[in-house]
PDB file of all heavy atoms in Angstrom:
ATOM      1  N   ASN A   1     -18.681 -17.619  -0.523  1.00  0.00           N
ATOM      2  CA  ASN A   1     -19.426 -18.405  -1.497  1.00  0.00           C
ATOM      3  C   ASN A   1     -20.371 -17.506  -2.273  1.00  0.00           C
ATOM      4  O   ASN A   1     -21.042 -16.649  -1.688  1.00  0.00           O
ATOM      5  CB  ASN A   1     -20.225 -19.514  -0.789  1.00  0.00           C
ATOM      6  CG  ASN A   1     -19.319 -20.585  -0.226  1.00  0.00           C
ATOM      7  OD1 ASN A   1     -18.671 -21.314  -0.962  1.00  0.00           O
ATOM      8  ND2 ASN A   1     -19.268 -20.685   1.089  1.00  0.00           N
ATOM      9  N   TYR A   2     -20.414 -17.737  -3.563  1.00  0.00           N
ATOM     10  CA  TYR A   2     -21.295 -16.984  -4.446  1.00  0.00           C
ATOM     11  C   TYR A   2     -22.284 -17.920  -5.120  1.00  0.00           C
ATOM     12  O   TYR A   2     -21.965 -19.074  -5.422  1.00  0.00           O
ATOM     13  CB  TYR A   2     -20.489 -16.275  -5.536  1.00  0.00           C
ATOM     14  CG  TYR A   2     -19.579 -15.183  -5.036  1.00  0.00           C
ATOM     15  CD1 TYR A   2     -18.219 -15.427  -4.833  1.00  0.00           C
ATOM     16  CD2 TYR A   2     -20.060 -13.903  -4.787  1.00  0.00           C
ATOM     17  CE1 TYR A   2     -17.373 -14.434  -4.376  1.00  0.00           C
ATOM     18  CE2 TYR A   2     -19.220 -12.902  -4.335  1.00  0.00           C
ATOM     19  CZ  TYR A   2     -17.887 -13.167  -4.134  1.00  0.00           C
ATOM     20  OH  TYR A   2     -17.052 -12.171  -3.688  1.00  0.00           O
ATOM     21  N   ALA A   3     -23.460 -17.413  -5.381  1.00  0.00           N
ATOM     22  CA  ALA A   3     -24.393 -18.147  -6.218  1.00  0.00           C
ATOM     23  C   ALA A   3     -23.797 -18.269  -7.614  1.00  0.00           C
ATOM     24  O   ALA A   3     -23.112 -17.352  -8.089  1.00  0.00           O
ATOM     25  CB  ALA A   3     -25.733 -17.418  -6.275  1.00  0.00           C
ATOM     26  N   ASP A   4     -24.052 -19.375  -8.261  1.00  0.00           N
ATOM     27  CA  ASP A   4     -23.495 -19.586  -9.602  1.00  0.00           C
ATOM     28  C   ASP A   4     -23.893 -18.471 -10.562  1.00  0.00           C
ATOM     29  O   ASP A   4     -23.115 -18.084 -11.439  1.00  0.00           O
ATOM     30  CB  ASP A   4     -23.973 -20.936 -10.150  1.00  0.00           C
ATOM     31  CG  ASP A   4     -23.299 -22.112  -9.468  1.00  0.00           C
ATOM     32  OD1 ASP A   4     -22.259 -21.917  -8.814  1.00  0.00           O
ATOM     33  OD2 ASP A   4     -23.839 -23.237  -9.574  1.00  0.00           O
ATOM     34  N   SER A   5     -25.090 -17.946 -10.372  1.00  0.00           N
ATOM     35  CA  SER A   5     -25.608 -16.945 -11.299  1.00  0.00           C
ATOM     36  C   SER A   5     -24.878 -15.612 -11.210  1.00  0.00           C
ATOM     37  O   SER A   5     -25.010 -14.778 -12.112  1.00  0.00           O
ATOM     38  CB  SER A   5     -27.105 -16.726 -11.049  1.00  0.00           C
ATOM     39  OG  SER A   5     -27.325 -16.303  -9.719  1.00  0.00           O
ATOM     40  N   VAL A   6     -24.104 -15.386 -10.133  1.00  0.00           N
ATOM     41  CA  VAL A   6     -23.438 -14.097  -9.975  1.00  0.00           C
ATOM     42  C   VAL A   6     -21.919 -14.220  -9.936  1.00  0.00           C
ATOM     43  O   VAL A   6     -21.218 -13.205  -9.845  1.00  0.00           O
ATOM     44  CB  VAL A   6     -23.926 -13.356  -8.711  1.00  0.00           C
ATOM     45  CG1 VAL A   6     -25.453 -13.239  -8.707  1.00  0.00           C
ATOM     46  CG2 VAL A   6     -23.429 -14.016  -7.441  1.00  0.00           C
ATOM     47  N   LYS A   7     -21.412 -15.429  -9.989  1.00  0.00           N
ATOM     48  CA  LYS A   7     -19.954 -15.619  -9.948  1.00  0.00           C
ATOM     49  C   LYS A   7     -19.291 -14.832 -11.063  1.00  0.00           C
ATOM     50  O   LYS A   7     -19.790 -14.779 -12.190  1.00  0.00           O
ATOM     51  CB  LYS A   7     -19.618 -17.109 -10.080  1.00  0.00           C
ATOM     52  CG  LYS A   7     -19.741 -17.883  -8.787  1.00  0.00           C
ATOM     53  CD  LYS A   7     -19.372 -19.344  -8.978  1.00  0.00           C
ATOM     54  CE  LYS A   7     -19.532 -20.111  -7.682  1.00  0.00           C
ATOM     55  NZ  LYS A   7     -19.251 -21.565  -7.864  1.00  0.00           N
ATOM     56  N   ASP A   8     -18.170 -14.231 -10.730  1.00  0.00           N
ATOM     57  CA  ASP A   8     -17.364 -13.431 -11.654  1.00  0.00           C
ATOM     58  C   ASP A   8     -18.010 -12.094 -12.001  1.00  0.00           C
ATOM     59  O   ASP A   8     -17.436 -11.331 -12.796  1.00  0.00           O
ATOM     60  CB  ASP A   8     -17.071 -14.205 -12.944  1.00  0.00           C
ATOM     61  CG  ASP A   8     -16.319 -15.492 -12.702  1.00  0.00           C
ATOM     62  OD1 ASP A   8     -15.447 -15.498 -11.808  1.00  0.00           O
ATOM     63  OD2 ASP A   8     -16.613 -16.487 -13.391  1.00  0.00           O
ATOM     64  N   ARG A   9     -19.172 -11.815 -11.429  1.00  0.00           N
ATOM     65  CA  ARG A   9     -19.814 -10.513 -11.661  1.00  0.00           C
ATOM     66  C   ARG A   9     -19.993  -9.726 -10.364  1.00  0.00           C
ATOM     67  O   ARG A   9     -19.941  -8.495 -10.373  1.00  0.00           O
ATOM     68  CB  ARG A   9     -21.178 -10.701 -12.321  1.00  0.00           C
ATOM     69  CG  ARG A   9     -21.116 -11.367 -13.682  1.00  0.00           C
ATOM     70  CD  ARG A   9     -22.473 -11.304 -14.391  1.00  0.00           C
ATOM     71  NE  ARG A   9     -23.524 -11.994 -13.645  1.00  0.00           N
ATOM     72  CZ  ARG A   9     -24.645 -11.405 -13.213  1.00  0.00           C
ATOM     73  NH1 ARG A   9     -24.867 -10.119 -13.441  1.00  0.00           N
ATOM     74  NH2 ARG A   9     -25.564 -12.112 -12.557  1.00  0.00           N
ATOM     75  N   PHE A  10     -20.228 -10.428  -9.260  1.00  0.00           N
ATOM     76  CA  PHE A  10     -20.466  -9.782  -7.973  1.00  0.00           C
ATOM     77  C   PHE A  10     -19.292 -10.069  -7.036  1.00  0.00           C
ATOM     78  O   PHE A  10     -18.700 -11.161  -7.081  1.00  0.00           O
ATOM     79  CB  PHE A  10     -21.739 -10.327  -7.321  1.00  0.00           C
ATOM     80  CG  PHE A  10     -23.022  -9.922  -7.980  1.00  0.00           C
ATOM     81  CD1 PHE A  10     -23.055  -9.309  -9.225  1.00  0.00           C
ATOM     82  CD2 PHE A  10     -24.236 -10.168  -7.345  1.00  0.00           C
ATOM     83  CE1 PHE A  10     -24.243  -8.950  -9.832  1.00  0.00           C
ATOM     84  CE2 PHE A  10     -25.432  -9.810  -7.931  1.00  0.00           C
ATOM     85  CZ  PHE A  10     -25.428  -9.207  -9.176  1.00  0.00           C
ATOM     86  N   THR A  11     -19.002  -9.103  -6.177  1.00  0.00           N
ATOM     87  CA  THR A  11     -17.942  -9.269  -5.193  1.00  0.00           C
ATOM     88  C   THR A  11     -18.412  -8.750  -3.842  1.00  0.00           C
ATOM     89  O   THR A  11     -18.859  -7.599  -3.740  1.00  0.00           O
ATOM     90  CB  THR A  11     -16.672  -8.519  -5.605  1.00  0.00           C
ATOM     91  OG1 THR A  11     -16.238  -8.970  -6.894  1.00  0.00           O
ATOM     92  CG2 THR A  11     -15.553  -8.756  -4.594  1.00  0.00           C
ATOM     93  N   ILE A  12     -18.306  -9.583  -2.822  1.00  0.00           N
ATOM     94  CA  ILE A  12     -18.631  -9.170  -1.466  1.00  0.00           C
ATOM     95  C   ILE A  12     -17.339  -8.801  -0.753  1.00  0.00           C
ATOM     96  O   ILE A  12     -16.314  -9.449  -0.929  1.00  0.00           O
ATOM     97  CB  ILE A  12     -19.390 -10.287  -0.699  1.00  0.00           C
ATOM     98  CG1 ILE A  12     -19.881  -9.779   0.658  1.00  0.00           C
ATOM     99  CG2 ILE A  12     -18.531 -11.532  -0.544  1.00  0.00           C
ATOM    100  CD1 ILE A  12     -20.818 -10.763   1.363  1.00  0.00           C
ATOM    101  N   SER A  13     -17.413  -7.715   0.004  1.00  0.00           N
ATOM    102  CA  SER A  13     -16.247  -7.289   0.774  1.00  0.00           C
ATOM    103  C   SER A  13     -16.737  -6.575   2.025  1.00  0.00           C
ATOM    104  O   SER A  13     -17.925  -6.262   2.139  1.00  0.00           O
ATOM    105  CB  SER A  13     -15.356  -6.356  -0.055  1.00  0.00           C
ATOM    106  OG  SER A  13     -16.050  -5.177  -0.400  1.00  0.00           O
ATOM    107  N   ARG A  14     -15.817  -6.306   2.924  1.00  0.00           N
ATOM    108  CA  ARG A  14     -16.237  -5.601   4.116  1.00  0.00           C
ATOM    109  C   ARG A  14     -15.149  -4.684   4.624  1.00  0.00           C
ATOM    110  O   ARG A  14     -13.957  -4.959   4.433  1.00  0.00           O
ATOM    111  CB  ARG A  14     -16.685  -6.564   5.201  1.00  0.00           C
ATOM    112  CG  ARG A  14     -15.658  -7.546   5.696  1.00  0.00           C
ATOM    113  CD  ARG A  14     -16.366  -8.582   6.561  1.00  0.00           C
ATOM    114  NE  ARG A  14     -15.447  -9.324   7.383  1.00  0.00           N
ATOM    115  CZ  ARG A  14     -15.802 -10.371   8.125  1.00  0.00           C
ATOM    116  NH1 ARG A  14     -17.049 -10.787   8.142  1.00  0.00           N
ATOM    117  NH2 ARG A  14     -14.908 -10.994   8.865  1.00  0.00           N
ATOM    118  N   ASP A  15     -15.584  -3.615   5.223  1.00  0.00           N
ATOM    119  CA  ASP A  15     -14.697  -2.646   5.857  1.00  0.00           C
ATOM    120  C   ASP A  15     -14.965  -2.742   7.354  1.00  0.00           C
ATOM    121  O   ASP A  15     -15.962  -2.219   7.852  1.00  0.00           O
ATOM    122  CB  ASP A  15     -15.000  -1.243   5.325  1.00  0.00           C
ATOM    123  CG  ASP A  15     -14.032  -0.199   5.863  1.00  0.00           C
ATOM    124  OD1 ASP A  15     -13.517  -0.382   6.986  1.00  0.00           O
ATOM    125  OD2 ASP A  15     -13.818   0.806   5.174  1.00  0.00           O
ATOM    126  N   ASN A  16     -14.072  -3.417   8.040  1.00  0.00           N
ATOM    127  CA  ASN A  16     -14.308  -3.665   9.461  1.00  0.00           C
ATOM    128  C   ASN A  16     -14.322  -2.372  10.270  1.00  0.00           C
ATOM    129  O   ASN A  16     -15.061  -2.244  11.247  1.00  0.00           O
ATOM    130  CB  ASN A  16     -13.255  -4.621  10.006  1.00  0.00           C
ATOM    131  CG  ASN A  16     -13.350  -5.977   9.361  1.00  0.00           C
ATOM    132  OD1 ASN A  16     -14.438  -6.454   9.052  1.00  0.00           O
ATOM    133  ND2 ASN A  16     -12.211  -6.601   9.122  1.00  0.00           N
ATOM    134  N   ALA A  17     -13.528  -1.419   9.858  1.00  0.00           N
ATOM    135  CA  ALA A  17     -13.458  -0.153  10.591  1.00  0.00           C
ATOM    136  C   ALA A  17     -14.791   0.597  10.517  1.00  0.00           C
ATOM    137  O   ALA A  17     -15.133   1.364  11.418  1.00  0.00           O
ATOM    138  CB  ALA A  17     -12.340   0.713  10.032  1.00  0.00           C
ATOM    139  N   LYS A  18     -15.537   0.377   9.445  1.00  0.00           N
ATOM    140  CA  LYS A  18     -16.815   1.055   9.251  1.00  0.00           C
ATOM    141  C   LYS A  18     -18.004   0.139   9.558  1.00  0.00           C
ATOM    142  O   LYS A  18     -19.157   0.558   9.361  1.00  0.00           O
ATOM    143  CB  LYS A  18     -16.929   1.574   7.818  1.00  0.00           C
ATOM    144  CG  LYS A  18     -15.901   2.647   7.465  1.00  0.00           C
ATOM    145  CD  LYS A  18     -16.095   3.147   6.042  1.00  0.00           C
ATOM    146  CE  LYS A  18     -15.100   4.241   5.710  1.00  0.00           C
ATOM    147  NZ  LYS A  18     -15.269   4.744   4.318  1.00  0.00           N
ATOM    148  N   ASN A  19     -17.730  -1.084  10.002  1.00  0.00           N
ATOM    149  CA  ASN A  19     -18.801  -2.058  10.265  1.00  0.00           C
ATOM    150  C   ASN A  19     -19.729  -2.198   9.059  1.00  0.00           C
ATOM    151  O   ASN A  19     -20.954  -2.290   9.202  1.00  0.00           O
ATOM    152  CB  ASN A  19     -19.622  -1.653  11.497  1.00  0.00           C
ATOM    153  CG  ASN A  19     -18.810  -1.667  12.759  1.00  0.00           C
ATOM    154  OD1 ASN A  19     -17.860  -2.438  12.875  1.00  0.00           O
ATOM    155  ND2 ASN A  19     -19.157  -0.809  13.697  1.00  0.00           N
ATOM    156  N   THR A  20     -19.138  -2.219   7.892  1.00  0.00           N
ATOM    157  CA  THR A  20     -19.920  -2.189   6.660  1.00  0.00           C
ATOM    158  C   THR A  20     -19.525  -3.330   5.737  1.00  0.00           C
ATOM    159  O   THR A  20     -18.341  -3.643   5.607  1.00  0.00           O
ATOM    160  CB  THR A  20     -19.741  -0.844   5.939  1.00  0.00           C
ATOM    161  OG1 THR A  20     -20.197   0.207   6.805  1.00  0.00           O
ATOM    162  CG2 THR A  20     -20.532  -0.802   4.643  1.00  0.00           C
ATOM    163  N   VAL A  21     -20.520  -3.915   5.127  1.00  0.00           N
ATOM    164  CA  VAL A  21     -20.334  -4.952   4.125  1.00  0.00           C
ATOM    165  C   VAL A  21     -20.830  -4.412   2.792  1.00  0.00           C
ATOM    166  O   VAL A  21     -21.869  -3.740   2.742  1.00  0.00           O
ATOM    167  CB  VAL A  21     -21.106  -6.226   4.499  1.00  0.00           C
ATOM    168  CG1 VAL A  21     -20.918  -7.296   3.438  1.00  0.00           C
ATOM    169  CG2 VAL A  21     -20.645  -6.741   5.852  1.00  0.00           C
ATOM    170  N   TYR A  22     -20.103  -4.714   1.737  1.00  0.00           N
ATOM    171  CA  TYR A  22     -20.445  -4.206   0.418  1.00  0.00           C
ATOM    172  C   TYR A  22     -20.748  -5.369  -0.526  1.00  0.00           C
ATOM    173  O   TYR A  22     -20.260  -6.482  -0.353  1.00  0.00           O
ATOM    174  CB  TYR A  22     -19.282  -3.399  -0.170  1.00  0.00           C
ATOM    175  CG  TYR A  22     -18.861  -2.232   0.679  1.00  0.00           C
ATOM    176  CD1 TYR A  22     -17.758  -2.328   1.523  1.00  0.00           C
ATOM    177  CD2 TYR A  22     -19.557  -1.028   0.634  1.00  0.00           C
ATOM    178  CE1 TYR A  22     -17.359  -1.264   2.304  1.00  0.00           C
ATOM    179  CE2 TYR A  22     -19.165   0.045   1.417  1.00  0.00           C
ATOM    180  CZ  TYR A  22     -18.066  -0.076   2.252  1.00  0.00           C
ATOM    181  OH  TYR A  22     -17.689   0.982   3.020  1.00  0.00           O
ATOM    182  N   LEU A  23     -21.533  -5.056  -1.534  1.00  0.00           N
ATOM    183  CA  LEU A  23     -21.727  -5.979  -2.642  1.00  0.00           C
ATOM    184  C   LEU A  23     -21.524  -5.171  -3.918  1.00  0.00           C
ATOM    185  O   LEU A  23     -22.361  -4.349  -4.280  1.00  0.00           O
ATOM    186  CB  LEU A  23     -23.115  -6.622  -2.628  1.00  0.00           C
ATOM    187  CG  LEU A  23     -23.340  -7.681  -3.701  1.00  0.00           C
ATOM    188  CD1 LEU A  23     -22.467  -8.913  -3.417  1.00  0.00           C
ATOM    189  CD2 LEU A  23     -24.807  -8.090  -3.780  1.00  0.00           C
ATOM    190  N   GLN A  24     -20.396  -5.396  -4.555  1.00  0.00           N
ATOM    191  CA  GLN A  24     -20.113  -4.747  -5.831  1.00  0.00           C
ATOM    192  C   GLN A  24     -20.704  -5.619  -6.920  1.00  0.00           C
ATOM    193  O   GLN A  24     -20.336  -6.783  -7.059  1.00  0.00           O
ATOM    194  CB  GLN A  24     -18.606  -4.588  -6.027  1.00  0.00           C
ATOM    195  CG  GLN A  24     -18.227  -3.962  -7.360  1.00  0.00           C
ATOM    196  CD  GLN A  24     -18.678  -2.520  -7.474  1.00  0.00           C
ATOM    197  OE1 GLN A  24     -18.465  -1.716  -6.569  1.00  0.00           O
ATOM    198  NE2 GLN A  24     -19.314  -2.186  -8.588  1.00  0.00           N
ATOM    199  N   MET A  25     -21.595  -5.034  -7.701  1.00  0.00           N
ATOM    200  CA  MET A  25     -22.278  -5.775  -8.750  1.00  0.00           C
ATOM    201  C   MET A  25     -21.911  -5.177 -10.100  1.00  0.00           C
ATOM    202  O   MET A  25     -22.085  -3.972 -10.311  1.00  0.00           O
ATOM    203  CB  MET A  25     -23.797  -5.718  -8.540  1.00  0.00           C
ATOM    204  CG  MET A  25     -24.234  -6.176  -7.164  1.00  0.00           C
ATOM    205  SD  MET A  25     -26.021  -6.229  -6.960  1.00  0.00           S
ATOM    206  CE  MET A  25     -26.412  -4.486  -7.085  1.00  0.00           C
ATOM    207  N   SER A  26     -21.406  -6.009 -10.988  1.00  0.00           N
ATOM    208  CA  SER A  26     -21.009  -5.563 -12.309  1.00  0.00           C
ATOM    209  C   SER A  26     -21.700  -6.418 -13.360  1.00  0.00           C
ATOM    210  O   SER A  26     -22.235  -7.483 -13.065  1.00  0.00           O
ATOM    211  CB  SER A  26     -19.488  -5.672 -12.465  1.00  0.00           C
ATOM    212  OG  SER A  26     -18.813  -4.928 -11.467  1.00  0.00           O
ATOM    213  N   SER A  27     -21.662  -5.935 -14.595  1.00  0.00           N
ATOM    214  CA  SER A  27     -22.282  -6.657 -15.711  1.00  0.00           C
ATOM    215  C   SER A  27     -23.702  -7.089 -15.352  1.00  0.00           C
ATOM    216  O   SER A  27     -24.100  -8.244 -15.561  1.00  0.00           O
ATOM    217  CB  SER A  27     -21.433  -7.874 -16.095  1.00  0.00           C
ATOM    218  OG  SER A  27     -20.124  -7.488 -16.451  1.00  0.00           O
ATOM    219  N   LEU A  28     -24.457  -6.154 -14.826  1.00  0.00           N
ATOM    220  CA  LEU A  28     -25.796  -6.484 -14.349  1.00  0.00           C
ATOM    221  C   LEU A  28     -26.719  -6.886 -15.490  1.00  0.00           C
ATOM    222  O   LEU A  28     -26.614  -6.375 -16.615  1.00  0.00           O
ATOM    223  CB  LEU A  28     -26.381  -5.304 -13.584  1.00  0.00           C
ATOM    224  CG  LEU A  28     -25.817  -5.148 -12.162  1.00  0.00           C
ATOM    225  CD1 LEU A  28     -26.053  -3.743 -11.633  1.00  0.00           C
ATOM    226  CD2 LEU A  28     -26.441  -6.178 -11.234  1.00  0.00           C
ATOM    227  N   LYS A  29     -27.620  -7.795 -15.158  1.00  0.00           N
ATOM    228  CA  LYS A  29     -28.565  -8.328 -16.130  1.00  0.00           C
ATOM    229  C   LYS A  29     -29.986  -8.080 -15.627  1.00  0.00           C
ATOM    230  O   LYS A  29     -30.199  -7.948 -14.412  1.00  0.00           O
ATOM    231  CB  LYS A  29     -28.357  -9.837 -16.295  1.00  0.00           C
ATOM    232  CG  LYS A  29     -26.945 -10.244 -16.670  1.00  0.00           C
ATOM    233  CD  LYS A  29     -26.813 -11.766 -16.677  1.00  0.00           C
ATOM    234  CE  LYS A  29     -25.401 -12.195 -17.003  1.00  0.00           C
ATOM    235  NZ  LYS A  29     -25.256 -13.686 -17.009  1.00  0.00           N
ATOM    236  N   PRO A  30     -30.949  -8.044 -16.522  1.00  0.00           N
ATOM    237  CA  PRO A  30     -32.338  -7.857 -16.066  1.00  0.00           C
ATOM    238  C   PRO A  30     -32.762  -8.894 -15.026  1.00  0.00           C
ATOM    239  O   PRO A  30     -33.542  -8.580 -14.121  1.00  0.00           O
ATOM    240  CB  PRO A  30     -33.136  -7.996 -17.365  1.00  0.00           C
ATOM    241  CG  PRO A  30     -32.199  -7.514 -18.418  1.00  0.00           C
ATOM    242  CD  PRO A  30     -30.846  -8.002 -17.990  1.00  0.00           C
ATOM    243  N   GLU A  31     -32.239 -10.093 -15.125  1.00  0.00           N
ATOM    244  CA  GLU A  31     -32.604 -11.140 -14.152  1.00  0.00           C
ATOM    245  C   GLU A  31     -32.002 -10.907 -12.772  1.00  0.00           C
ATOM    246  O   GLU A  31     -32.311 -11.628 -11.833  1.00  0.00           O
ATOM    247  CB  GLU A  31     -32.228 -12.531 -14.669  1.00  0.00           C
ATOM    248  CG  GLU A  31     -30.799 -12.652 -15.148  1.00  0.00           C
ATOM    249  CD  GLU A  31     -30.680 -12.492 -16.652  1.00  0.00           C
ATOM    250  OE1 GLU A  31     -31.314 -11.566 -17.226  1.00  0.00           O
ATOM    251  OE2 GLU A  31     -29.930 -13.297 -17.270  1.00  0.00           O
ATOM    252  N   ASP A  32     -31.155  -9.898 -12.635  1.00  0.00           N
ATOM    253  CA  ASP A  32     -30.637  -9.525 -11.318  1.00  0.00           C
ATOM    254  C   ASP A  32     -31.617  -8.611 -10.579  1.00  0.00           C
ATOM    255  O   ASP A  32     -31.385  -8.290  -9.408  1.00  0.00           O
ATOM    256  CB  ASP A  32     -29.285  -8.816 -11.443  1.00  0.00           C
ATOM    257  CG  ASP A  32     -28.189  -9.719 -11.975  1.00  0.00           C
ATOM    258  OD1 ASP A  32     -28.125 -10.881 -11.550  1.00  0.00           O
ATOM    259  OD2 ASP A  32     -27.412  -9.243 -12.832  1.00  0.00           O
ATOM    260  N   THR A  33     -32.660  -8.204 -11.250  1.00  0.00           N
ATOM    261  CA  THR A  33     -33.657  -7.338 -10.617  1.00  0.00           C
ATOM    262  C   THR A  33     -34.297  -8.040  -9.422  1.00  0.00           C
ATOM    263  O   THR A  33     -34.803  -9.160  -9.540  1.00  0.00           O
ATOM    264  CB  THR A  33     -34.747  -6.949 -11.631  1.00  0.00           C
ATOM    265  OG1 THR A  33     -34.153  -6.142 -12.656  1.00  0.00           O
ATOM    266  CG2 THR A  33     -35.867  -6.165 -10.955  1.00  0.00           C
TER     267      THR A  33
END
């Protein structure tokens, strides 16, 4: 689930082998600060 304000711009993913979760953020806006 994504917040409406970040849909189609942010992507959450995870690498289980590395025990790591990522947040890829694109088309960033000042309000994302």
